Amino acid sequence: MSETSLTIRESRRRTTVPKQIVDALNLKDGDRIRWILFHDNRILITKVQGSKK
């Protein structure tokens, strides 16, 4: 595992999902992303399956 990309938090708590991650997860407009924060400040980010409305 290696660092994929670095992003910056912008106004209104927004950040851009790096293209490499978008491609790997096959993210599309309207997909939901789950953020899980661990006690040691690591974050797990996953695409929620069947998430399109």
C-alpha atoms as a PDB file:
ATOM      1  CA  MET A   1       0.000   0.000   0.000  1.00  0.00           C
ATOM      2  CA  SER A   2       1.264   3.479  -0.787  1.00  0.00           C
ATOM      3  CA  GLU A   3       0.017   7.038  -0.622  1.00  0.00           C
ATOM      4  CA  THR A   4      -2.210   7.503  -3.631  1.00  0.00           C
ATOM      5  CA  SER A   5      -2.760  11.233  -3.561  1.00  0.00           C
ATOM      6  CA  LEU A   6      -2.976  14.270  -1.360  1.00  0.00           C
ATOM      7  CA  THR A   7      -6.039  16.538  -1.300  1.00  0.00           C
ATOM      8  CA  ILE A   8      -6.910  19.787   0.453  1.00  0.00           C
ATOM      9  CA  ARG A   9     -10.066  20.510   2.427  1.00  0.00           C
ATOM     10  CA  GLU A  10     -11.780  23.449   0.776  1.00  0.00           C
ATOM     11  CA  SER A  11     -14.671  25.640   1.842  1.00  0.00           C
ATOM     12  CA  ARG A  12     -17.793  23.962   3.186  1.00  0.00           C
ATOM     13  CA  ARG A  13     -15.724  20.855   4.197  1.00  0.00           C
ATOM     14  CA  ARG A  14     -15.314  19.744   0.579  1.00  0.00           C
ATOM     15  CA  THR A  15     -12.467  17.716  -0.855  1.00  0.00           C
ATOM     16  CA  THR A  16     -11.867  16.173  -4.260  1.00  0.00           C
ATOM     17  CA  VAL A  17     -11.662  12.409  -4.627  1.00  0.00           C
ATOM     18  CA  PRO A  18      -8.453  11.699  -6.555  1.00  0.00           C
ATOM     19  CA  LYS A  19      -8.933  10.319 -10.086  1.00  0.00           C
ATOM     20  CA  GLN A  20      -6.979   7.159  -9.266  1.00  0.00           C
ATOM     21  CA  ILE A  21      -9.469   6.411  -6.441  1.00  0.00           C
ATOM     22  CA  VAL A  22     -12.501   7.299  -8.591  1.00  0.00           C
ATOM     23  CA  ASP A  23     -11.272   4.905 -11.271  1.00  0.00           C
ATOM     24  CA  ALA A  24     -10.378   2.104  -8.823  1.00  0.00           C
ATOM     25  CA  LEU A  25     -13.790   2.269  -7.099  1.00  0.00           C
ATOM     26  CA  ASN A  26     -15.657   2.983 -10.357  1.00  0.00           C
ATOM     27  CA  LEU A  27     -17.340   5.975  -8.694  1.00  0.00           C
ATOM     28  CA  LYS A  28     -20.139   7.693 -10.590  1.00  0.00           C
ATOM     29  CA  ASP A  29     -22.205  10.797  -9.865  1.00  0.00           C
ATOM     30  CA  GLY A  30     -24.706  10.008  -7.110  1.00  0.00           C
ATOM     31  CA  ASP A  31     -22.679   7.162  -5.558  1.00  0.00           C
ATOM     32  CA  ARG A  32     -22.407   7.184  -1.775  1.00  0.00           C
ATOM     33  CA  ILE A  33     -19.074   6.962  -0.024  1.00  0.00           C
ATOM     34  CA  ARG A  34     -18.726   5.667   3.538  1.00  0.00           C
ATOM     35  CA  TRP A  35     -16.023   7.202   5.783  1.00  0.00           C
ATOM     36  CA  ILE A  36     -14.942   5.158   8.817  1.00  0.00           C
ATOM     37  CA  LEU A  37     -12.669   6.820  11.396  1.00  0.00           C
ATOM     38  CA  PHE A  38     -10.572   4.534  13.594  1.00  0.00           C
ATOM     39  CA  HIS A  39      -9.292   5.426  17.081  1.00  0.00           C
ATOM     40  CA  ASP A  40      -5.742   5.824  15.760  1.00  0.00           C
ATOM     41  CA  ASN A  41      -6.968   8.476  13.250  1.00  0.00           C
ATOM     42  CA  ARG A  42      -6.798   6.188  10.225  1.00  0.00           C
ATOM     43  CA  ILE A  43      -9.702   6.496   7.807  1.00  0.00           C
ATOM     44  CA  LEU A  44     -11.250   3.765   5.689  1.00  0.00           C
ATOM     45  CA  ILE A  45     -13.214   5.019   2.692  1.00  0.00           C
ATOM     46  CA  THR A  46     -15.466   2.632   0.767  1.00  0.00           C
ATOM     47  CA  LYS A  47     -18.096   2.877  -1.927  1.00  0.00           C
ATOM     48  CA  VAL A  48     -21.528   1.862  -0.631  1.00  0.00           C
ATOM     49  CA  GLN A  49     -22.800  -0.880  -2.938  1.00  0.00           C
ATOM     50  CA  GLY A  50     -26.175  -0.240  -4.555  1.00  0.00           C
ATOM     51  CA  SER A  51     -25.949   3.389  -3.481  1.00  0.00           C
ATOM     52  CA  LYS A  52     -27.443   5.213  -6.449  1.00  0.00           C
ATOM     53  CA  LYS A  53     -30.852   6.752  -5.888  1.00  0.00           C
END
